[in-house]
Amino acid sequence: MPSEETKERIVKAIDIGRVVLHYGWIPFIIYVGYTRSNPQPSLIKLITPLA
């Protein structure tokens, strides 16, 4: 059976993982779409759609 310290570390790691997943999901999808598209749009058009 894991000790209390190990349980706390696991819970903290899961919490950090949730935050990373929460804030990183949309940028990851944009990155994958940008790198897989053909032809690749310029980076300025990706950042500012009206450019």
PDB file of N, CA and C in Angstrom:
ATOM      1  N   MET A   1       0.848  -1.177   0.000  1.00  0.00           N
ATOM      2  CA  MET A   1       0.000   0.000   0.000  1.00  0.00           C
ATOM      3  C   MET A   1       0.897   1.244   0.000  1.00  0.00           C
ATOM      4  N   PRO A   2       0.600   2.209  -0.904  1.00  0.00           N
ATOM      5  CA  PRO A   2       1.450   3.409  -0.966  1.00  0.00           C
ATOM      6  C   PRO A   2       1.309   4.280   0.285  1.00  0.00           C
ATOM      7  N   SER A   3       2.382   4.957   0.590  1.00  0.00           N
ATOM      8  CA  SER A   3       2.361   5.830   1.762  1.00  0.00           C
ATOM      9  C   SER A   3       1.592   7.114   1.457  1.00  0.00           C
ATOM     10  N   GLU A   4       1.335   7.891   2.493  1.00  0.00           N
ATOM     11  CA  GLU A   4       0.601   9.148   2.328  1.00  0.00           C
ATOM     12  C   GLU A   4       1.380  10.117   1.427  1.00  0.00           C
ATOM     13  N   GLU A   5       2.698  10.130   1.565  1.00  0.00           N
ATOM     14  CA  GLU A   5       3.518  11.024   0.735  1.00  0.00           C
ATOM     15  C   GLU A   5       3.398  10.646  -0.740  1.00  0.00           C
ATOM     16  N   THR A   6       3.386   9.364  -1.022  1.00  0.00           N
ATOM     17  CA  THR A   6       3.245   8.897  -2.401  1.00  0.00           C
ATOM     18  C   THR A   6       1.870   9.259  -2.951  1.00  0.00           C
ATOM     19  N   LYS A   7       0.843   9.099  -2.133  1.00  0.00           N
ATOM     20  CA  LYS A   7      -0.510   9.465  -2.563  1.00  0.00           C
ATOM     21  C   LYS A   7      -0.596  10.952  -2.875  1.00  0.00           C
ATOM     22  N   GLU A   8       0.018  11.789  -2.034  1.00  0.00           N
ATOM     23  CA  GLU A   8       0.000  13.232  -2.264  1.00  0.00           C
ATOM     24  C   GLU A   8       0.717  13.586  -3.562  1.00  0.00           C
ATOM     25  N   ARG A   9       1.837  12.926  -3.830  1.00  0.00           N
ATOM     26  CA  ARG A   9       2.568  13.190  -5.073  1.00  0.00           C
ATOM     27  C   ARG A   9       1.753  12.791  -6.292  1.00  0.00           C
ATOM     28  N   ILE A  10       1.056  11.661  -6.195  1.00  0.00           N
ATOM     29  CA  ILE A  10       0.222  11.211  -7.315  1.00  0.00           C
ATOM     30  C   ILE A  10      -0.907  12.202  -7.565  1.00  0.00           C
ATOM     31  N   VAL A  11      -1.565  12.643  -6.493  1.00  0.00           N
ATOM     32  CA  VAL A  11      -2.665  13.605  -6.628  1.00  0.00           C
ATOM     33  C   VAL A  11      -2.148  14.919  -7.215  1.00  0.00           C
ATOM     34  N   LYS A  12      -0.989  15.377  -6.758  1.00  0.00           N
ATOM     35  CA  LYS A  12      -0.421  16.619  -7.276  1.00  0.00           C
ATOM     36  C   LYS A  12      -0.060  16.476  -8.755  1.00  0.00           C
ATOM     37  N   ALA A  13       0.495  15.327  -9.145  1.00  0.00           N
ATOM     38  CA  ALA A  13       0.845  15.088 -10.543  1.00  0.00           C
ATOM     39  C   ALA A  13      -0.398  15.063 -11.426  1.00  0.00           C
ATOM     40  N   ILE A  14      -1.470  14.458 -10.922  1.00  0.00           N
ATOM     41  CA  ILE A  14      -2.724  14.424 -11.684  1.00  0.00           C
ATOM     42  C   ILE A  14      -3.299  15.824 -11.826  1.00  0.00           C
ATOM     43  N   ASP A  15      -3.247  16.626 -10.766  1.00  0.00           N
ATOM     44  CA  ASP A  15      -3.743  18.003 -10.841  1.00  0.00           C
ATOM     45  C   ASP A  15      -2.950  18.822 -11.851  1.00  0.00           C
ATOM     46  N   ILE A  16      -1.633  18.684 -11.831  1.00  0.00           N
ATOM     47  CA  ILE A  16      -0.794  19.412 -12.792  1.00  0.00           C
ATOM     48  C   ILE A  16      -1.097  18.939 -14.211  1.00  0.00           C
ATOM     49  N   GLY A  17      -1.278  17.644 -14.384  1.00  0.00           N
ATOM     50  CA  GLY A  17      -1.619  17.101 -15.698  1.00  0.00           C
ATOM     51  C   GLY A  17      -2.939  17.632 -16.218  1.00  0.00           C
ATOM     52  N   ARG A  18      -3.914  17.782 -15.328  1.00  0.00           N
ATOM     53  CA  ARG A  18      -5.208  18.347 -15.742  1.00  0.00           C
ATOM     54  C   ARG A  18      -5.061  19.786 -16.213  1.00  0.00           C
ATOM     55  N   VAL A  19      -4.272  20.573 -15.497  1.00  0.00           N
ATOM     56  CA  VAL A  19      -4.071  21.973 -15.881  1.00  0.00           C
ATOM     57  C   VAL A  19      -3.368  22.058 -17.233  1.00  0.00           C
ATOM     58  N   VAL A  20      -2.337  21.244 -17.415  1.00  0.00           N
ATOM     59  CA  VAL A  20      -1.609  21.245 -18.690  1.00  0.00           C
ATOM     60  C   VAL A  20      -2.531  20.841 -19.827  1.00  0.00           C
ATOM     61  N   LEU A  21      -3.327  19.809 -19.616  1.00  0.00           N
ATOM     62  CA  LEU A  21      -4.261  19.370 -20.647  1.00  0.00           C
ATOM     63  C   LEU A  21      -5.320  20.433 -20.920  1.00  0.00           C
ATOM     64  N   HIS A  22      -5.807  21.077 -19.883  1.00  0.00           N
ATOM     65  CA  HIS A  22      -6.847  22.087 -20.034  1.00  0.00           C
ATOM     66  C   HIS A  22      -6.363  23.264 -20.879  1.00  0.00           C
ATOM     67  N   TYR A  23      -5.186  23.783 -20.578  1.00  0.00           N
ATOM     68  CA  TYR A  23      -4.690  24.958 -21.283  1.00  0.00           C
ATOM     69  C   TYR A  23      -3.885  24.626 -22.537  1.00  0.00           C
ATOM     70  N   GLY A  24      -3.524  23.375 -22.743  1.00  0.00           N
ATOM     71  CA  GLY A  24      -2.707  23.028 -23.884  1.00  0.00           C
ATOM     72  C   GLY A  24      -3.427  22.346 -25.023  1.00  0.00           C
ATOM     73  N   TRP A  25      -4.690  21.968 -24.821  1.00  0.00           N
ATOM     74  CA  TRP A  25      -5.396  21.198 -25.836  1.00  0.00           C
ATOM     75  C   TRP A  25      -5.636  22.001 -27.112  1.00  0.00           C
ATOM     76  N   ILE A  26      -6.203  23.181 -27.020  1.00  0.00           N
ATOM     77  CA  ILE A  26      -6.516  23.981 -28.206  1.00  0.00           C
ATOM     78  C   ILE A  26      -5.243  24.405 -28.939  1.00  0.00           C
ATOM     79  N   PRO A  27      -4.207  24.921 -28.247  1.00  0.00           N
ATOM     80  CA  PRO A  27      -2.967  25.227 -28.979  1.00  0.00           C
ATOM     81  C   PRO A  27      -2.367  23.997 -29.666  1.00  0.00           C
ATOM     82  N   PHE A  28      -2.495  22.820 -29.058  1.00  0.00           N
ATOM     83  CA  PHE A  28      -1.996  21.598 -29.683  1.00  0.00           C
ATOM     84  C   PHE A  28      -2.760  21.294 -30.968  1.00  0.00           C
ATOM     85  N   ILE A  29      -4.070  21.421 -30.943  1.00  0.00           N
ATOM     86  CA  ILE A  29      -4.884  21.169 -32.133  1.00  0.00           C
ATOM     87  C   ILE A  29      -4.539  22.166 -33.235  1.00  0.00           C
ATOM     88  N   ILE A  30      -4.358  23.443 -32.877  1.00  0.00           N
ATOM     89  CA  ILE A  30      -3.969  24.454 -33.866  1.00  0.00           C
ATOM     90  C   ILE A  30      -2.601  24.125 -34.458  1.00  0.00           C
ATOM     91  N   TYR A  31      -1.666  23.711 -33.616  1.00  0.00           N
ATOM     92  CA  TYR A  31      -0.327  23.354 -34.091  1.00  0.00           C
ATOM     93  C   TYR A  31      -0.381  22.170 -35.061  1.00  0.00           C
ATOM     94  N   VAL A  32      -1.134  21.147 -34.715  1.00  0.00           N
ATOM     95  CA  VAL A  32      -1.229  19.975 -35.588  1.00  0.00           C
ATOM     96  C   VAL A  32      -1.872  20.366 -36.912  1.00  0.00           C
ATOM     97  N   GLY A  33      -2.922  21.150 -36.858  1.00  0.00           N
ATOM     98  CA  GLY A  33      -3.564  21.594 -38.098  1.00  0.00           C
ATOM     99  C   GLY A  33      -2.645  22.451 -38.951  1.00  0.00           C
ATOM    100  N   TYR A  34      -1.853  23.285 -38.317  1.00  0.00           N
ATOM    101  CA  TYR A  34      -0.925  24.157 -39.046  1.00  0.00           C
ATOM    102  C   TYR A  34       0.173  23.341 -39.710  1.00  0.00           C
ATOM    103  N   THR A  35       0.728  22.369 -39.004  1.00  0.00           N
ATOM    104  CA  THR A  35       1.845  21.611 -39.558  1.00  0.00           C
ATOM    105  C   THR A  35       1.399  20.584 -40.588  1.00  0.00           C
ATOM    106  N   ARG A  36       0.151  20.136 -40.534  1.00  0.00           N
ATOM    107  CA  ARG A  36      -0.321  19.105 -41.464  1.00  0.00           C
ATOM    108  C   ARG A  36      -1.017  19.679 -42.697  1.00  0.00           C
ATOM    109  N   SER A  37      -1.291  20.985 -42.728  1.00  0.00           N
ATOM    110  CA  SER A  37      -2.029  21.550 -43.851  1.00  0.00           C
ATOM    111  C   SER A  37      -1.115  21.701 -45.061  1.00  0.00           C
ATOM    112  N   ASN A  38      -1.746  21.656 -46.216  1.00  0.00           N
ATOM    113  CA  ASN A  38      -1.001  21.810 -47.459  1.00  0.00           C
ATOM    114  C   ASN A  38      -1.809  22.710 -48.380  1.00  0.00           C
ATOM    115  N   PRO A  39      -1.358  23.875 -48.767  1.00  0.00           N
ATOM    116  CA  PRO A  39      -0.107  24.542 -48.407  1.00  0.00           C
ATOM    117  C   PRO A  39      -0.211  25.171 -47.016  1.00  0.00           C
ATOM    118  N   GLN A  40       0.924  25.323 -46.370  1.00  0.00           N
ATOM    119  CA  GLN A  40       0.934  25.919 -45.028  1.00  0.00           C
ATOM    120  C   GLN A  40       0.668  27.415 -45.126  1.00  0.00           C
ATOM    121  N   PRO A  41      -0.272  27.909 -44.323  1.00  0.00           N
ATOM    122  CA  PRO A  41      -0.486  29.358 -44.305  1.00  0.00           C
ATOM    123  C   PRO A  41       0.683  30.058 -43.628  1.00  0.00           C
ATOM    124  N   SER A  42       0.852  31.331 -43.938  1.00  0.00           N
ATOM    125  CA  SER A  42       1.912  32.067 -43.260  1.00  0.00           C
ATOM    126  C   SER A  42       1.533  32.233 -41.789  1.00  0.00           C
ATOM    127  N   LEU A  43       2.535  32.378 -40.953  1.00  0.00           N
ATOM    128  CA  LEU A  43       2.293  32.464 -39.518  1.00  0.00           C
ATOM    129  C   LEU A  43       1.500  33.719 -39.173  1.00  0.00           C
ATOM    130  N   ILE A  44       1.705  34.813 -39.883  1.00  0.00           N
ATOM    131  CA  ILE A  44       0.970  36.056 -39.596  1.00  0.00           C
ATOM    132  C   ILE A  44      -0.524  35.864 -39.887  1.00  0.00           C
ATOM    133  N   LYS A  45      -0.867  35.097 -40.907  1.00  0.00           N
ATOM    134  CA  LYS A  45      -2.289  34.844 -41.188  1.00  0.00           C
ATOM    135  C   LYS A  45      -2.900  33.913 -40.142  1.00  0.00           C
ATOM    136  N   LEU A  46      -2.086  33.087 -39.538  1.00  0.00           N
ATOM    137  CA  LEU A  46      -2.599  32.218 -38.476  1.00  0.00           C
ATOM    138  C   LEU A  46      -2.906  33.033 -37.227  1.00  0.00           C
ATOM    139  N   ILE A  47      -2.063  34.006 -36.923  1.00  0.00           N
ATOM    140  CA  ILE A  47      -2.241  34.814 -35.715  1.00  0.00           C
ATOM    141  C   ILE A  47      -3.328  35.862 -35.907  1.00  0.00           C
ATOM    142  N   THR A  48      -3.285  36.576 -37.036  1.00  0.00           N
ATOM    143  CA  THR A  48      -4.287  37.616 -37.295  1.00  0.00           C
ATOM    144  C   THR A  48      -5.074  37.248 -38.543  1.00  0.00           C
ATOM    145  N   PRO A  49      -6.308  36.796 -38.397  1.00  0.00           N
ATOM    146  CA  PRO A  49      -7.083  36.340 -39.544  1.00  0.00           C
ATOM    147  C   PRO A  49      -7.403  37.433 -40.561  1.00  0.00           C
ATOM    148  N   LEU A  50      -7.356  38.700 -40.166  1.00  0.00           N
ATOM    149  CA  LEU A  50      -7.685  39.774 -41.104  1.00  0.00           C
ATOM    150  C   LEU A  50      -6.497  40.233 -41.924  1.00  0.00           C
ATOM    151  N   ALA A  51      -5.301  39.711 -41.657  1.00  0.00           N
ATOM    152  CA  ALA A  51      -4.106  40.132 -42.382  1.00  0.00           C
ATOM    153  C   ALA A  51      -4.089  39.581 -43.778  1.00  0.00           C
TER     154      ALA A  51
END
